[in-house]
Amino acid sequence: MNARPTPLGGSILSTLPTGRDPASVRRRVEAMEQLLEGMFVVPGLNRRVGLDAILGLVPVVGDLAAAAMGMWIVWEARNLGMGRAAVMAMTARVGFDAMLGAVPLIGDAADLFYRSNTRNVKRIRKYLDKHHPATVTITPSA
């Protein structure tokens, strides 16, 4: 039996679950948050940055792409059944981040400090921990 090659050479994308269950959603949103906010460390600043900060360097289109990826996290939260107020607050965070990103230089600096995606994923984790305790994962403390 021949094994099919994994897409993207066996990257993290091929290992993410595609289910609608809370544990699968948790893994997907945490992976997206890692991609957007923590891909690598900026030398000298010792700050983790990701695709959000990199895309923010491209005027207009980059900020819109980063906002679209941030809204995907909000969409996943909505599909989990989070309340309207929580989803609206998460949407406002992404919108605020996008508006900050529209301002040259200030938006680029804001990407280092205002992490809307990290805040939104933290809110999703709290919801999942309360309503779906089986999805709780233990993470090593730094």
Protein backbone atom coordinates (compact mmCIF):
# COMPACT_ATOMS: atom_id res chain seq x y z
CA MET A 1 0.00 0.00 0.00
CA ASN A 2 1.48 3.34 -1.05
CA ALA A 3 1.27 6.20 1.41
CA ARG A 4 0.16 9.53 0.02
CA PRO A 5 2.62 12.36 0.49
CA THR A 6 1.56 14.88 3.08
CA PRO A 7 0.86 18.41 1.88
CA LEU A 8 3.56 21.00 2.47
CA GLY A 9 6.12 18.33 3.28
CA GLY A 10 4.48 17.20 6.54
CA SER A 11 4.16 20.65 8.07
CA ILE A 12 1.99 21.55 11.03
CA LEU A 13 -0.92 22.19 8.66
CA SER A 14 -1.12 18.51 7.80
CA THR A 15 -1.33 17.54 11.47
CA LEU A 16 -4.12 19.92 12.49
CA PRO A 17 -7.50 18.29 13.15
CA THR A 18 -10.37 19.25 10.88
CA GLY A 19 -13.23 18.23 13.19
CA ARG A 20 -15.83 20.51 14.72
CA ASP A 21 -15.36 19.16 18.23
CA PRO A 22 -14.03 21.57 20.87
CA ALA A 23 -10.64 19.86 21.15
CA SER A 24 -10.04 20.20 17.40
CA VAL A 25 -11.10 23.84 17.45
CA ARG A 26 -8.77 24.51 20.37
CA ARG A 27 -5.78 23.06 18.51
CA ARG A 28 -6.59 25.03 15.35
CA VAL A 29 -7.03 28.41 17.04
CA GLU A 30 -3.89 27.90 19.13
CA ALA A 31 -1.94 27.05 15.96
CA MET A 32 -3.29 30.17 14.21
CA GLU A 33 -2.42 32.33 17.21
CA GLN A 34 1.11 30.91 17.18
CA LEU A 35 1.39 31.64 13.46
CA LEU A 36 0.09 35.19 13.82
CA GLU A 37 1.78 36.22 17.06
CA GLY A 38 4.74 34.00 17.88
CA MET A 39 6.64 32.53 14.95
CA PHE A 40 10.05 33.85 15.98
CA VAL A 41 11.86 36.17 18.38
CA VAL A 42 13.10 39.59 17.24
CA PRO A 43 16.80 39.83 18.14
CA GLY A 44 17.57 42.63 20.56
CA LEU A 45 13.94 43.09 21.61
CA ASN A 46 13.37 39.54 22.83
CA ARG A 47 9.74 39.86 21.63
CA ARG A 48 7.96 37.11 19.77
CA VAL A 49 6.40 38.20 16.50
CA GLY A 50 4.55 36.41 13.79
CA LEU A 51 2.74 36.83 10.54
CA ASP A 52 0.59 39.67 11.91
CA ALA A 53 3.61 41.93 12.36
CA ILE A 54 5.17 40.86 9.07
CA LEU A 55 1.97 41.43 7.09
CA GLY A 56 1.57 44.77 8.84
CA LEU A 57 4.64 46.00 6.99
CA VAL A 58 2.72 45.76 3.70
CA PRO A 59 0.41 48.80 3.49
CA VAL A 60 -3.36 48.16 3.42
CA VAL A 61 -3.32 44.65 1.90
CA GLY A 62 -1.16 43.19 4.66
CA ASP A 63 -3.32 44.66 7.41
CA LEU A 64 -6.48 43.38 5.73
CA ALA A 65 -4.98 39.89 5.38
CA ALA A 66 -3.94 39.86 9.06
CA ALA A 67 -7.42 41.06 10.08
CA ALA A 68 -9.03 38.32 7.98
CA MET A 69 -6.95 35.67 9.74
CA GLY A 70 -7.83 37.21 13.10
CA MET A 71 -11.52 37.11 12.16
CA TRP A 72 -11.16 33.40 11.39
CA ILE A 73 -10.35 32.90 15.08
CA VAL A 74 -13.50 34.87 15.98
CA TRP A 75 -15.53 32.77 13.53
CA GLU A 76 -14.29 29.59 15.23
CA ALA A 77 -15.33 31.06 18.61
CA ARG A 78 -18.80 31.80 17.26
CA ASN A 79 -19.10 28.24 15.97
CA LEU A 80 -18.16 26.95 19.43
CA GLY A 81 -21.25 28.67 20.79
CA MET A 82 -19.62 31.54 22.62
CA GLY A 83 -22.00 34.31 23.59
CA ARG A 84 -22.78 37.30 21.43
CA ALA A 85 -21.05 39.73 23.81
CA ALA A 86 -17.83 37.71 23.77
CA VAL A 87 -17.85 37.43 19.98
CA MET A 88 -18.50 41.17 19.63
CA ALA A 89 -15.64 41.99 22.03
CA MET A 90 -13.32 39.71 20.06
CA THR A 91 -14.42 41.33 16.79
CA ALA A 92 -13.76 44.77 18.29
CA ARG A 93 -10.22 43.69 19.23
CA VAL A 94 -9.48 42.57 15.69
CA GLY A 95 -10.98 45.78 14.31
CA PHE A 96 -8.97 47.94 16.70
CA ASP A 97 -5.80 46.07 15.73
CA ALA A 98 -6.59 46.61 12.04
CA MET A 99 -7.24 50.34 12.58
CA LEU A 100 -3.95 50.70 14.45
CA GLY A 101 -2.22 48.85 11.63
CA ALA A 102 -3.52 51.38 9.11
CA VAL A 103 -1.41 54.12 10.70
CA PRO A 104 2.12 54.04 9.27
CA LEU A 105 4.90 53.26 11.78
CA ILE A 106 2.54 53.44 14.76
CA GLY A 107 0.69 50.39 13.46
CA ASP A 108 3.94 48.48 12.99
CA ALA A 109 5.00 49.25 16.56
CA ALA A 110 1.53 48.37 17.86
CA ASP A 111 1.84 44.88 16.36
CA LEU A 112 4.63 44.22 18.83
CA PHE A 113 2.60 45.19 21.89
CA TYR A 114 -1.15 44.91 21.20
CA ARG A 115 -1.83 41.27 20.43
CA SER A 116 -5.51 40.96 19.62
CA ASN A 117 -5.20 37.34 18.50
CA THR A 118 -3.47 36.28 21.71
CA ARG A 119 -6.16 38.03 23.75
CA ASN A 120 -8.92 36.38 21.72
CA VAL A 121 -7.41 32.90 22.02
CA LYS A 122 -7.04 33.44 25.77
CA ARG A 123 -10.78 34.18 25.91
CA ILE A 124 -11.55 31.06 23.88
CA ARG A 125 -9.38 28.97 26.22
CA LYS A 126 -11.28 30.28 29.25
CA TYR A 127 -14.58 29.40 27.57
CA LEU A 128 -13.39 25.92 26.63
CA ASP A 129 -11.93 25.28 30.09
CA LYS A 130 -15.29 26.14 31.65
CA HIS A 131 -17.70 24.55 29.17
CA HIS A 132 -15.58 21.72 27.72
CA PRO A 133 -13.11 20.70 30.45
CA ALA A 134 -12.00 17.61 28.51
CA THR A 135 -10.14 19.91 26.08
CA VAL A 136 -7.83 21.32 28.74
CA THR A 137 -4.20 20.82 27.85
CA ILE A 138 -1.29 21.18 30.20
CA THR A 139 1.38 23.49 28.85
CA PRO A 140 4.88 23.64 30.28
CA SER A 141 5.55 26.88 32.11
CA ALA A 142 8.48 28.95 30.95
